[in-house]
Structure formats: C-alpha cells, structure tokens
C-alpha cells in the first residue's frame, strides 16, 4: 500500500468515525429530549391525580373538623371513618409524590422540589395525627391541630384549583400554598429560604 493510499484510507476512516459520532450523538440527544419530555408530562399527570385525590381528602377532612370537640367521643365511629379515608388518601398522594422525577423539570426544578417537599410535609402531619389518635384512642384535637387541619384543606384546594387550569403554573401554585404551609410546617420558612423562593 502506497503512502498516498494510506492517507486516503485514514481520511475515510476519520470521516466515517466523525459521521458515526454525529449520528450517535444526535440519536442520544433526541432520545434524551424525548425522555425528559415524557418525564415532565408524567409529573404534570401525577400532579393532576394528586389534585383530584387531595380534593377528596380536603372534603373528608372538612367533615372531620366540623364535628364539635365536645361530641368527639359520642361520634367516634363517624370520626374514625372520616380519618381512615383521610389517611388512606394521604398514602395515595405519597405514592404519586414519590414517583415524581423533579430532576427532569430543568428550569423549574427548584419550584418542583419545593412543591414535592411541601406535600410530603402535609403527609407527615397527617401521618403524625394518625399515630397520635391511635396512641390516645381518641379523636379529640387541640385548637392548634384544628388550625393545621384547616391549613391542609387550604393546601389541597389550592392545588386542585391550579391543576384545573389549562396551563399549570407551579410558581403561582407555591405562592397560593405558602401561607397554609407556614402553619403546617414549623420549618417551612427555612425551606423557602434555602430554595430562594420568597413569594
């Protein structure tokens, strides 16, 4: 093989490798973009499902808080049924929250992380109340606990209101739930500070 033929052969190999790399990179990039878009769509779908479950939870929790504290013992069966529903719906919301991939939300990742954190904290409050009810064998609640339950109702109604819109705005949603979240979660102001989201 002459020197000239060797150069031509090497050029062909280099051109082929560069073309292969370009095709491979384009394919990987398209695949990545498709995966990100699909993941983003799934997150919005999860949010809409959470809003529907949360709206039902809010209705049942509203029923629970409307029963006067003085009647808590005589209406224990009714309170038990209502709270069992609230707890079950909260567990369902938790599973959808856990399925969210906030990493795929690109420029909105901080807002989605804060939203996910917020709804996890709501679930933690409900879970904590379930444990307290079981320990005390009573559904009596304090004024502070009622205030937090009213805040939970407000959070899920605001989530539902935003999710019904054609274009969901997470920043607007976070703004609408900030006040009730500050009641539910004693550390929420720290979370707002860390996320640099003070609405």
N, C-alpha and C. Protein backbone atom coordinates (compact mmCIF):
# COMPACT_ATOMS: atom_id res chain seq x y z
N UNK A 1 0.84 -1.19 0.00
CA UNK A 1 0.00 0.00 0.00
C UNK A 1 0.88 1.25 0.00
N UNK A 2 0.65 2.12 -0.94
CA UNK A 2 1.48 3.33 -1.05
C UNK A 2 1.09 4.32 0.04
N UNK A 3 1.99 5.29 0.23
CA UNK A 3 1.76 6.33 1.24
C UNK A 3 0.49 7.12 0.93
N UNK A 4 0.28 7.39 -0.35
CA UNK A 4 -0.90 8.14 -0.79
C UNK A 4 -2.19 7.38 -0.48
N UNK A 5 -2.20 6.09 -0.77
CA UNK A 5 -3.37 5.24 -0.48
C UNK A 5 -3.64 5.16 1.01
N UNK A 6 -2.56 5.11 1.79
CA UNK A 6 -2.70 5.05 3.26
C UNK A 6 -3.39 6.30 3.78
N UNK A 7 -2.99 7.46 3.26
CA UNK A 7 -3.60 8.73 3.68
C UNK A 7 -5.09 8.76 3.32
N UNK A 8 -5.41 8.33 2.11
CA UNK A 8 -6.82 8.30 1.67
C UNK A 8 -7.62 7.36 2.57
N UNK A 9 -7.04 6.23 2.89
CA UNK A 9 -7.70 5.23 3.74
C UNK A 9 -7.95 5.80 5.13
N UNK A 10 -6.95 6.49 5.69
CA UNK A 10 -7.08 7.09 7.03
C UNK A 10 -8.14 8.20 7.03
N UNK A 11 -8.15 8.99 5.94
CA UNK A 11 -9.16 10.05 5.83
C UNK A 11 -10.57 9.47 5.82
N UNK A 12 -10.73 8.39 5.08
CA UNK A 12 -12.05 7.73 5.03
C UNK A 12 -12.47 7.22 6.40
N UNK A 13 -11.51 6.63 7.11
CA UNK A 13 -11.80 6.12 8.45
C UNK A 13 -12.21 7.27 9.37
N UNK A 14 -11.46 8.38 9.31
CA UNK A 14 -11.76 9.54 10.17
C UNK A 14 -13.13 10.13 9.84
N UNK A 15 -13.41 10.28 8.54
CA UNK A 15 -14.71 10.81 8.11
C UNK A 15 -15.84 9.89 8.56
N UNK A 16 -15.62 8.58 8.41
CA UNK A 16 -16.63 7.60 8.84
C UNK A 16 -16.87 7.67 10.34
N UNK A 17 -15.77 7.77 11.10
CA UNK A 17 -15.88 7.86 12.57
C UNK A 17 -16.61 9.13 12.99
N UNK A 18 -16.26 10.25 12.35
CA UNK A 18 -16.90 11.52 12.68
C UNK A 18 -18.39 11.48 12.34
N UNK A 19 -18.73 10.91 11.20
CA UNK A 19 -20.13 10.79 10.81
C UNK A 19 -20.89 9.89 11.79
N UNK A 20 -20.25 8.77 12.17
CA UNK A 20 -20.87 7.84 13.13
C UNK A 20 -21.10 8.52 14.48
N UNK A 21 -20.11 9.29 14.90
CA UNK A 21 -20.22 10.01 16.17
C UNK A 21 -21.36 11.03 16.11
N UNK A 22 -21.45 11.74 14.98
CA UNK A 22 -22.51 12.74 14.80
C UNK A 22 -23.90 12.08 14.85
N UNK A 23 -24.05 10.98 14.14
CA UNK A 23 -25.34 10.25 14.12
C UNK A 23 -25.67 9.74 15.52
N UNK A 24 -24.68 9.16 16.19
CA UNK A 24 -24.88 8.61 17.54
C UNK A 24 -25.26 9.73 18.52
N UNK A 25 -24.53 10.87 18.45
CA UNK A 25 -24.81 12.00 19.34
C UNK A 25 -26.22 12.54 19.12
N UNK A 26 -26.60 12.65 17.85
CA UNK A 26 -27.94 13.14 17.52
C UNK A 26 -29.00 12.20 18.06
N UNK A 27 -28.79 10.90 17.89
CA UNK A 27 -29.73 9.91 18.39
C UNK A 27 -29.85 9.98 19.90
N UNK A 28 -28.69 10.05 20.59
CA UNK A 28 -28.68 10.12 22.06
C UNK A 28 -29.39 11.39 22.53
N UNK A 29 -29.11 12.51 21.87
CA UNK A 29 -29.73 13.77 22.24
C UNK A 29 -31.24 13.74 22.06
N UNK A 30 -31.69 13.19 20.93
CA UNK A 30 -33.13 13.08 20.68
C UNK A 30 -33.80 12.16 21.69
N UNK A 31 -33.11 11.07 22.00
CA UNK A 31 -33.63 10.11 22.97
C UNK A 31 -33.74 10.75 24.35
N UNK A 32 -32.71 11.53 24.71
CA UNK A 32 -32.68 12.23 26.00
C UNK A 32 -33.81 13.25 26.07
N UNK A 33 -33.97 14.05 25.00
CA UNK A 33 -35.03 15.05 24.97
C UNK A 33 -36.41 14.40 25.07
N UNK A 34 -36.57 13.29 24.39
CA UNK A 34 -37.84 12.57 24.43
C UNK A 34 -38.11 12.04 25.85
N UNK A 35 -37.06 11.51 26.47
CA UNK A 35 -37.19 11.00 27.85
C UNK A 35 -37.57 12.13 28.81
N UNK A 36 -36.90 13.29 28.66
CA UNK A 36 -37.18 14.44 29.53
C UNK A 36 -38.62 14.93 29.35
N UNK A 37 -39.05 15.02 28.09
CA UNK A 37 -40.41 15.48 27.81
C UNK A 37 -41.45 14.53 28.39
N UNK A 38 -41.19 13.24 28.23
CA UNK A 38 -42.11 12.23 28.76
C UNK A 38 -42.17 12.30 30.28
N UNK A 39 -41.00 12.49 30.91
CA UNK A 39 -40.94 12.59 32.36
C UNK A 39 -41.67 13.83 32.86
N UNK A 40 -41.52 14.94 32.15
CA UNK A 40 -42.21 16.17 32.51
C UNK A 40 -43.73 16.00 32.41
N UNK A 41 -44.17 15.37 31.34
CA UNK A 41 -45.61 15.11 31.16
C UNK A 41 -46.15 14.22 32.28
N UNK A 42 -45.35 13.23 32.67
CA UNK A 42 -45.76 12.33 33.77
C UNK A 42 -45.89 13.10 35.08
N UNK A 43 -44.96 14.05 35.32
CA UNK A 43 -45.03 14.86 36.54
C UNK A 43 -46.31 15.68 36.59
N UNK A 44 -46.67 16.28 35.46
CA UNK A 44 -47.92 17.06 35.41
C UNK A 44 -49.14 16.15 35.58
N UNK A 45 -49.06 14.94 35.03
CA UNK A 45 -50.16 13.98 35.19
C UNK A 45 -50.28 13.55 36.66
N UNK A 46 -49.13 13.31 37.30
CA UNK A 46 -49.13 12.96 38.73
C UNK A 46 -49.74 14.10 39.55
N UNK A 47 -49.38 15.34 39.18
CA UNK A 47 -49.91 16.49 39.92
C UNK A 47 -51.42 16.58 39.78
N UNK A 48 -51.94 16.31 38.59
CA UNK A 48 -53.39 16.35 38.39
C UNK A 48 -54.09 15.22 39.17
N UNK A 49 -53.44 14.07 39.24
CA UNK A 49 -54.00 12.96 40.03
C UNK A 49 -53.99 13.32 41.51
N UNK A 50 -52.87 13.89 41.97
CA UNK A 50 -52.75 14.33 43.36
C UNK A 50 -53.82 15.36 43.68
N UNK A 51 -54.09 16.27 42.74
CA UNK A 51 -55.09 17.31 42.99
C UNK A 51 -56.48 16.71 43.17
N UNK A 52 -56.80 15.68 42.37
CA UNK A 52 -58.11 15.03 42.48
C UNK A 52 -58.23 14.29 43.82
N UNK A 53 -57.18 13.55 44.18
CA UNK A 53 -57.19 12.83 45.46
C UNK A 53 -57.22 13.83 46.62
N UNK A 54 -56.41 14.89 46.48
CA UNK A 54 -56.34 15.91 47.53
C UNK A 54 -57.65 16.64 47.74
N UNK A 55 -58.39 16.84 46.66
CA UNK A 55 -59.70 17.50 46.77
C UNK A 55 -60.66 16.62 47.58
N UNK A 56 -60.63 15.31 47.32
CA UNK A 56 -61.46 14.38 48.10
C UNK A 56 -61.02 14.36 49.56
N UNK A 57 -59.70 14.36 49.77
CA UNK A 57 -59.15 14.37 51.13
C UNK A 57 -59.63 15.62 51.88
N UNK A 58 -59.55 16.76 51.19
CA UNK A 58 -59.96 18.03 51.82
C UNK A 58 -61.43 18.01 52.22
N UNK A 59 -62.29 17.43 51.37
CA UNK A 59 -63.72 17.33 51.69
C UNK A 59 -63.94 16.50 52.95
N UNK A 60 -63.27 15.34 53.01
CA UNK A 60 -63.44 14.46 54.18
C UNK A 60 -62.83 15.08 55.44
N UNK A 61 -61.71 15.76 55.28
CA UNK A 61 -61.08 16.42 56.43
C UNK A 61 -61.93 17.58 56.93
N UNK A 62 -62.60 18.25 56.00
CA UNK A 62 -63.52 19.33 56.38
C UNK A 62 -64.67 18.77 57.21
N UNK A 63 -65.20 17.62 56.79
CA UNK A 63 -66.26 16.95 57.57
C UNK A 63 -65.76 16.61 58.97
N UNK A 64 -64.51 16.11 59.04
CA UNK A 64 -63.90 15.72 60.31
C UNK A 64 -63.80 16.91 61.26
N UNK A 65 -63.35 18.04 60.75
CA UNK A 65 -63.13 19.21 61.62
C UNK A 65 -64.43 19.93 61.99
N UNK A 66 -65.52 19.65 61.27
CA UNK A 66 -66.80 20.32 61.56
C UNK A 66 -67.49 19.72 62.79
N UNK A 67 -67.10 18.51 63.16
CA UNK A 67 -67.73 17.88 64.34
C UNK A 67 -67.17 18.56 65.59
N UNK A 68 -68.04 19.14 66.45
CA UNK A 68 -67.57 19.83 67.65
C UNK A 68 -66.74 18.91 68.55
N UNK A 69 -65.69 19.47 69.16
CA UNK A 69 -64.79 18.70 70.03
C UNK A 69 -65.55 18.01 71.15
N UNK A 70 -66.59 18.67 71.65
CA UNK A 70 -67.37 18.09 72.76
C UNK A 70 -68.07 16.79 72.34
N UNK A 71 -68.33 16.64 71.05
CA UNK A 71 -69.03 15.44 70.56
C UNK A 71 -68.06 14.36 70.04
N UNK A 72 -66.77 14.58 70.24
CA UNK A 72 -65.76 13.67 69.70
C UNK A 72 -65.95 12.23 70.17
N UNK A 73 -66.28 12.06 71.45
CA UNK A 73 -66.42 10.71 71.99
C UNK A 73 -67.69 10.02 71.49
N UNK A 74 -68.79 10.74 71.46
CA UNK A 74 -70.05 10.12 71.03
C UNK A 74 -70.12 9.90 69.51
N UNK A 75 -69.32 10.64 68.77
CA UNK A 75 -69.30 10.48 67.31
C UNK A 75 -68.00 9.82 66.84
N UNK A 76 -67.45 8.97 67.70
CA UNK A 76 -66.16 8.33 67.41
C UNK A 76 -66.19 7.50 66.12
N UNK A 77 -67.27 6.78 65.88
CA UNK A 77 -67.36 5.93 64.68
C UNK A 77 -67.31 6.78 63.42
N UNK A 78 -68.01 7.91 63.45
CA UNK A 78 -68.03 8.82 62.30
C UNK A 78 -66.65 9.43 62.06
N UNK A 79 -66.01 9.83 63.16
CA UNK A 79 -64.67 10.40 63.07
C UNK A 79 -63.67 9.37 62.57
N UNK A 80 -63.81 8.13 63.05
CA UNK A 80 -62.93 7.04 62.63
C UNK A 80 -63.01 6.82 61.12
N UNK A 81 -64.25 6.78 60.59
CA UNK A 81 -64.44 6.58 59.15
C UNK A 81 -63.84 7.73 58.34
N UNK A 82 -64.08 8.95 58.81
CA UNK A 82 -63.56 10.13 58.10
C UNK A 82 -62.03 10.13 58.09
N UNK A 83 -61.46 9.85 59.28
CA UNK A 83 -60.00 9.91 59.36
C UNK A 83 -59.35 8.75 58.60
N UNK A 84 -59.97 7.61 58.60
CA UNK A 84 -59.43 6.47 57.85
C UNK A 84 -59.35 6.84 56.36
N UNK A 85 -60.37 7.53 55.88
CA UNK A 85 -60.38 7.97 54.48
C UNK A 85 -59.26 8.99 54.24
N UNK A 86 -59.12 9.96 55.15
CA UNK A 86 -58.08 10.99 55.03
C UNK A 86 -56.70 10.34 54.98
N UNK A 87 -56.45 9.41 55.90
CA UNK A 87 -55.16 8.73 55.98
C UNK A 87 -54.88 7.92 54.71
N UNK A 88 -55.90 7.23 54.21
CA UNK A 88 -55.74 6.41 53.01
C UNK A 88 -55.43 7.27 51.79
N UNK A 89 -56.14 8.39 51.65
CA UNK A 89 -55.91 9.29 50.53
C UNK A 89 -54.52 9.92 50.61
N UNK A 90 -54.09 10.22 51.83
CA UNK A 90 -52.76 10.78 52.02
C UNK A 90 -51.68 9.80 51.58
N UNK A 91 -51.90 8.52 51.86
CA UNK A 91 -50.94 7.48 51.43
C UNK A 91 -50.89 7.39 49.91
N UNK A 92 -52.04 7.54 49.27
CA UNK A 92 -52.08 7.51 47.80
C UNK A 92 -51.31 8.70 47.22
N UNK A 93 -51.50 9.86 47.82
CA UNK A 93 -50.78 11.05 47.38
C UNK A 93 -49.28 10.84 47.54
N UNK A 94 -48.89 10.24 48.65
CA UNK A 94 -47.46 9.97 48.91
C UNK A 94 -46.85 9.12 47.79
N UNK A 95 -47.57 8.12 47.34
CA UNK A 95 -47.04 7.24 46.30
C UNK A 95 -46.85 7.99 44.99
N UNK A 96 -47.78 8.89 44.65
CA UNK A 96 -47.62 9.69 43.42
C UNK A 96 -46.48 10.71 43.57
N UNK A 97 -46.36 11.29 44.76
CA UNK A 97 -45.26 12.23 45.01
C UNK A 97 -43.91 11.54 44.85
N UNK A 98 -43.82 10.31 45.37
CA UNK A 98 -42.57 9.55 45.29
C UNK A 98 -42.21 9.20 43.86
N UNK A 99 -43.22 9.13 42.99
CA UNK A 99 -42.99 8.78 41.58
C UNK A 99 -42.54 9.97 40.75
N UNK A 100 -42.63 11.16 41.31
CA UNK A 100 -42.23 12.35 40.55
C UNK A 100 -40.72 12.40 40.36
N UNK A 101 -40.30 12.81 39.18
CA UNK A 101 -38.88 12.99 38.88
C UNK A 101 -38.63 14.47 38.67
N UNK A 102 -38.32 15.18 39.75
CA UNK A 102 -38.14 16.63 39.66
C UNK A 102 -36.88 17.00 38.87
N UNK A 103 -35.93 16.08 38.76
CA UNK A 103 -34.69 16.35 38.01
C UNK A 103 -34.96 16.64 36.54
N UNK A 104 -36.07 16.18 36.04
CA UNK A 104 -36.39 16.37 34.62
C UNK A 104 -37.05 17.72 34.34
N UNK A 105 -37.27 18.52 35.39
CA UNK A 105 -38.04 19.74 35.21
C UNK A 105 -37.20 20.95 34.82
N UNK A 106 -35.93 20.74 34.58
CA UNK A 106 -35.00 21.73 34.05
C UNK A 106 -35.07 23.07 34.79
N UNK A 107 -35.52 24.16 34.13
CA UNK A 107 -35.52 25.49 34.75
C UNK A 107 -36.45 25.58 35.97
N UNK A 108 -37.42 24.69 36.06
CA UNK A 108 -38.39 24.74 37.16
C UNK A 108 -38.07 23.75 38.27
N UNK A 109 -36.88 23.19 38.24
CA UNK A 109 -36.55 22.12 39.20
C UNK A 109 -36.69 22.57 40.65
N UNK A 110 -36.27 23.80 40.97
CA UNK A 110 -36.36 24.29 42.35
C UNK A 110 -37.81 24.40 42.81
N UNK A 111 -38.67 24.88 41.91
CA UNK A 111 -40.10 25.00 42.25
C UNK A 111 -40.73 23.63 42.46
N UNK A 112 -40.39 22.67 41.60
CA UNK A 112 -40.94 21.32 41.74
C UNK A 112 -40.42 20.63 43.00
N UNK A 113 -39.15 20.86 43.34
CA UNK A 113 -38.59 20.31 44.58
C UNK A 113 -39.32 20.85 45.79
N UNK A 114 -39.61 22.16 45.77
CA UNK A 114 -40.31 22.78 46.89
C UNK A 114 -41.74 22.28 46.98
N UNK A 115 -42.39 22.10 45.83
CA UNK A 115 -43.76 21.57 45.83
C UNK A 115 -43.78 20.15 46.39
N UNK A 116 -42.84 19.33 45.95
CA UNK A 116 -42.77 17.95 46.43
C UNK A 116 -42.51 17.93 47.94
N UNK A 117 -41.57 18.76 48.40
CA UNK A 117 -41.29 18.87 49.83
C UNK A 117 -42.54 19.28 50.61
N UNK A 118 -43.25 20.29 50.08
CA UNK A 118 -44.45 20.81 50.75
C UNK A 118 -45.48 19.71 50.98
N UNK A 119 -45.77 18.95 49.91
CA UNK A 119 -46.81 17.92 50.02
C UNK A 119 -46.35 16.72 50.85
N UNK A 120 -45.04 16.47 50.86
CA UNK A 120 -44.52 15.43 51.76
C UNK A 120 -44.72 15.85 53.22
N UNK A 121 -44.52 17.14 53.51
CA UNK A 121 -44.70 17.64 54.89
C UNK A 121 -46.17 17.56 55.31
N UNK A 122 -47.08 17.79 54.37
CA UNK A 122 -48.51 17.64 54.67
C UNK A 122 -48.79 16.18 55.04
N UNK A 123 -48.24 15.26 54.26
CA UNK A 123 -48.42 13.83 54.54
C UNK A 123 -47.85 13.47 55.90
N UNK A 124 -46.69 14.04 56.25
CA UNK A 124 -46.08 13.76 57.55
C UNK A 124 -46.98 14.23 58.70
N UNK A 125 -47.63 15.38 58.50
CA UNK A 125 -48.54 15.89 59.53
C UNK A 125 -49.72 14.92 59.71
N UNK A 126 -50.31 14.50 58.61
CA UNK A 126 -51.46 13.57 58.67
C UNK A 126 -51.03 12.25 59.31
N UNK A 127 -49.86 11.76 58.91
CA UNK A 127 -49.34 10.52 59.48
C UNK A 127 -49.12 10.66 60.99
N UNK A 128 -48.59 11.81 61.40
CA UNK A 128 -48.36 12.08 62.83
C UNK A 128 -49.66 12.11 63.61
N UNK A 129 -50.71 12.69 63.02
CA UNK A 129 -52.01 12.74 63.68
C UNK A 129 -52.61 11.33 63.80
N UNK A 130 -52.42 10.50 62.78
CA UNK A 130 -52.92 9.12 62.83
C UNK A 130 -52.29 8.39 64.02
N UNK A 131 -50.99 8.54 64.17
CA UNK A 131 -50.27 7.89 65.29
C UNK A 131 -50.80 8.42 66.63
N UNK A 132 -50.99 9.74 66.70
CA UNK A 132 -51.49 10.33 67.95
C UNK A 132 -52.88 9.83 68.31
N UNK A 133 -53.76 9.72 67.31
CA UNK A 133 -55.11 9.21 67.56
C UNK A 133 -55.07 7.78 68.08
N UNK A 134 -54.20 6.98 67.49
CA UNK A 134 -54.08 5.57 67.91
C UNK A 134 -53.55 5.48 69.33
N UNK A 135 -52.56 6.30 69.64
CA UNK A 135 -51.97 6.28 70.98
C UNK A 135 -52.97 6.74 72.04
N UNK A 136 -53.72 7.80 71.74
CA UNK A 136 -54.66 8.37 72.71
C UNK A 136 -56.03 7.68 72.71
N UNK A 137 -56.27 6.86 71.66
CA UNK A 137 -57.56 6.20 71.49
C UNK A 137 -58.71 7.21 71.56
N UNK A 138 -58.46 8.35 70.95
CA UNK A 138 -59.45 9.43 70.94
C UNK A 138 -59.19 10.32 69.72
N UNK A 139 -60.27 10.90 69.18
CA UNK A 139 -60.14 11.79 68.04
C UNK A 139 -60.27 13.25 68.43
N UNK A 140 -60.11 13.53 69.71
CA UNK A 140 -60.13 14.92 70.16
C UNK A 140 -58.89 15.64 69.64
N UNK A 141 -59.07 16.87 69.17
CA UNK A 141 -57.94 17.64 68.66
C UNK A 141 -57.87 18.99 69.36
N UNK A 142 -56.66 19.54 69.42
CA UNK A 142 -56.47 20.85 70.03
C UNK A 142 -56.79 21.94 69.01
N UNK A 143 -56.87 23.18 69.48
CA UNK A 143 -57.12 24.31 68.57
C UNK A 143 -55.99 24.43 67.54
N UNK A 144 -54.75 24.17 67.99
CA UNK A 144 -53.60 24.26 67.08
C UNK A 144 -53.69 23.19 65.98
N UNK A 145 -54.09 21.97 66.39
CA UNK A 145 -54.22 20.88 65.42
C UNK A 145 -55.36 21.16 64.42
N UNK A 146 -56.43 21.76 64.92
CA UNK A 146 -57.54 22.13 64.01
C UNK A 146 -57.07 23.18 63.01
N UNK A 147 -56.27 24.14 63.49
CA UNK A 147 -55.75 25.17 62.60
C UNK A 147 -54.89 24.55 61.49
N UNK A 148 -54.10 23.55 61.88
CA UNK A 148 -53.24 22.88 60.89
C UNK A 148 -54.08 22.06 59.90
N UNK A 149 -55.14 21.45 60.40
CA UNK A 149 -56.02 20.68 59.51
C UNK A 149 -56.73 21.61 58.52
N UNK A 150 -57.14 22.77 58.99
CA UNK A 150 -57.74 23.76 58.09
C UNK A 150 -56.73 24.20 57.03
N UNK A 151 -55.46 24.28 57.44
CA UNK A 151 -54.39 24.65 56.50
C UNK A 151 -54.19 23.56 55.45
N UNK A 152 -54.29 22.29 55.88
CA UNK A 152 -54.18 21.17 54.94
C UNK A 152 -55.30 21.25 53.90
N UNK A 153 -56.51 21.54 54.37
CA UNK A 153 -57.66 21.69 53.46
C UNK A 153 -57.36 22.78 52.43
N UNK A 154 -56.82 23.90 52.91
CA UNK A 154 -56.49 25.02 52.03
C UNK A 154 -55.43 24.64 51.00
N UNK A 155 -54.40 23.90 51.43
CA UNK A 155 -53.34 23.47 50.51
C UNK A 155 -53.92 22.65 49.37
N UNK A 156 -54.71 21.62 49.70
CA UNK A 156 -55.22 20.73 48.66
C UNK A 156 -56.27 21.40 47.78
N UNK A 157 -57.02 22.32 48.33
CA UNK A 157 -57.98 23.05 47.48
C UNK A 157 -57.26 23.98 46.51
N UNK A 158 -56.16 24.57 46.96
CA UNK A 158 -55.37 25.43 46.07
C UNK A 158 -54.66 24.61 45.00
N UNK A 159 -54.18 23.43 45.37
CA UNK A 159 -53.57 22.54 44.38
C UNK A 159 -54.59 22.15 43.32
N UNK A 160 -55.79 21.81 43.77
CA UNK A 160 -56.86 21.41 42.87
C UNK A 160 -57.26 22.56 41.94
N UNK A 161 -57.34 23.76 42.50
CA UNK A 161 -57.71 24.95 41.71
C UNK A 161 -56.70 25.21 40.59
N UNK A 162 -55.41 25.08 40.93
CA UNK A 162 -54.37 25.33 39.93
C UNK A 162 -54.32 24.22 38.88
N UNK A 163 -54.48 22.98 39.32
CA UNK A 163 -54.39 21.83 38.41
C UNK A 163 -55.53 21.81 37.39
N UNK A 164 -56.63 22.48 37.71
CA UNK A 164 -57.77 22.53 36.78
C UNK A 164 -57.52 23.46 35.60
N UNK A 165 -56.52 24.35 35.74
CA UNK A 165 -56.24 25.31 34.68
C UNK A 165 -55.55 24.62 33.51
N UNK A 166 -55.75 25.19 32.34
CA UNK A 166 -55.17 24.60 31.13
C UNK A 166 -53.65 24.59 31.18
N UNK A 167 -53.09 25.69 31.69
CA UNK A 167 -51.64 25.78 31.84
C UNK A 167 -51.30 25.92 33.32
N UNK A 168 -50.73 24.86 33.91
CA UNK A 168 -50.41 24.85 35.34
C UNK A 168 -49.13 25.66 35.57
N UNK A 169 -49.21 26.61 36.51
CA UNK A 169 -48.07 27.44 36.86
C UNK A 169 -47.62 27.07 38.28
N UNK A 170 -46.47 26.39 38.37
CA UNK A 170 -46.01 25.89 39.67
C UNK A 170 -45.64 27.03 40.61
N UNK A 171 -45.06 28.10 40.06
CA UNK A 171 -44.70 29.24 40.91
C UNK A 171 -45.94 29.86 41.54
N UNK A 172 -46.99 29.99 40.76
CA UNK A 172 -48.27 30.54 41.25
C UNK A 172 -48.88 29.59 42.29
N UNK A 173 -48.76 28.30 42.06
CA UNK A 173 -49.27 27.30 43.00
C UNK A 173 -48.54 27.41 44.33
N UNK A 174 -47.22 27.51 44.27
CA UNK A 174 -46.42 27.63 45.50
C UNK A 174 -46.78 28.89 46.28
N UNK A 175 -47.03 29.96 45.54
CA UNK A 175 -47.43 31.21 46.19
C UNK A 175 -48.76 31.03 46.93
N UNK A 176 -49.68 30.29 46.33
CA UNK A 176 -51.01 30.11 46.92
C UNK A 176 -51.00 29.21 48.16
N UNK A 177 -50.01 28.32 48.26
CA UNK A 177 -49.97 27.41 49.42
C UNK A 177 -48.96 27.84 50.49
N UNK A 178 -48.26 28.94 50.24
CA UNK A 178 -47.22 29.34 51.20
C UNK A 178 -47.78 29.60 52.60
N UNK A 179 -48.83 30.39 52.68
CA UNK A 179 -49.39 30.74 54.00
C UNK A 179 -49.86 29.52 54.78
N UNK A 180 -50.68 28.62 54.19
CA UNK A 180 -51.07 27.43 54.96
C UNK A 180 -49.88 26.51 55.28
N UNK A 181 -48.89 26.45 54.39
CA UNK A 181 -47.71 25.60 54.66
C UNK A 181 -46.92 26.12 55.85
N UNK A 182 -46.88 27.43 56.03
CA UNK A 182 -46.18 28.01 57.19
C UNK A 182 -46.89 27.63 58.49
N UNK A 183 -48.18 27.35 58.42
CA UNK A 183 -48.94 26.89 59.60
C UNK A 183 -48.68 25.42 59.85
N UNK A 184 -48.65 24.62 58.80
CA UNK A 184 -48.48 23.16 58.91
C UNK A 184 -47.07 22.78 59.33
N UNK A 185 -46.09 23.41 58.69
CA UNK A 185 -44.69 23.02 58.87
C UNK A 185 -43.90 24.14 59.55
N UNK A 186 -43.42 23.84 60.76
CA UNK A 186 -42.67 24.84 61.52
C UNK A 186 -41.35 25.22 60.86
N UNK A 187 -40.87 24.38 59.94
CA UNK A 187 -39.58 24.64 59.28
C UNK A 187 -39.75 25.12 57.84
N UNK A 188 -40.96 25.47 57.48
CA UNK A 188 -41.20 25.84 56.08
C UNK A 188 -40.48 27.11 55.68
N UNK A 189 -40.35 28.04 56.61
CA UNK A 189 -39.64 29.29 56.28
C UNK A 189 -38.19 28.99 55.93
N UNK A 190 -37.59 27.98 56.60
CA UNK A 190 -36.22 27.57 56.27
C UNK A 190 -36.16 26.99 54.87
N UNK A 191 -37.16 26.19 54.51
CA UNK A 191 -37.21 25.59 53.17
C UNK A 191 -37.34 26.67 52.11
N UNK A 192 -38.14 27.70 52.40
CA UNK A 192 -38.30 28.82 51.46
C UNK A 192 -36.99 29.57 51.28
N UNK A 193 -36.29 29.74 52.41
CA UNK A 193 -35.02 30.47 52.36
C UNK A 193 -33.98 29.68 51.55
N UNK A 194 -33.92 28.37 51.78
CA UNK A 194 -32.95 27.54 51.08
C UNK A 194 -33.25 27.47 49.58
N UNK A 195 -34.53 27.46 49.25
CA UNK A 195 -34.90 27.38 47.83
C UNK A 195 -34.90 28.74 47.16
N UNK A 196 -34.68 29.79 48.00
CA UNK A 196 -34.67 31.17 47.49
C UNK A 196 -36.00 31.49 46.82
N UNK A 197 -37.10 30.99 47.43
CA UNK A 197 -38.43 31.26 46.88
C UNK A 197 -39.28 31.95 47.96
N UNK A 198 -39.15 33.26 48.06
CA UNK A 198 -39.96 34.02 49.00
C UNK A 198 -41.01 34.79 48.21
N UNK A 199 -42.24 34.28 48.27
CA UNK A 199 -43.30 34.87 47.44
C UNK A 199 -44.01 35.99 48.21
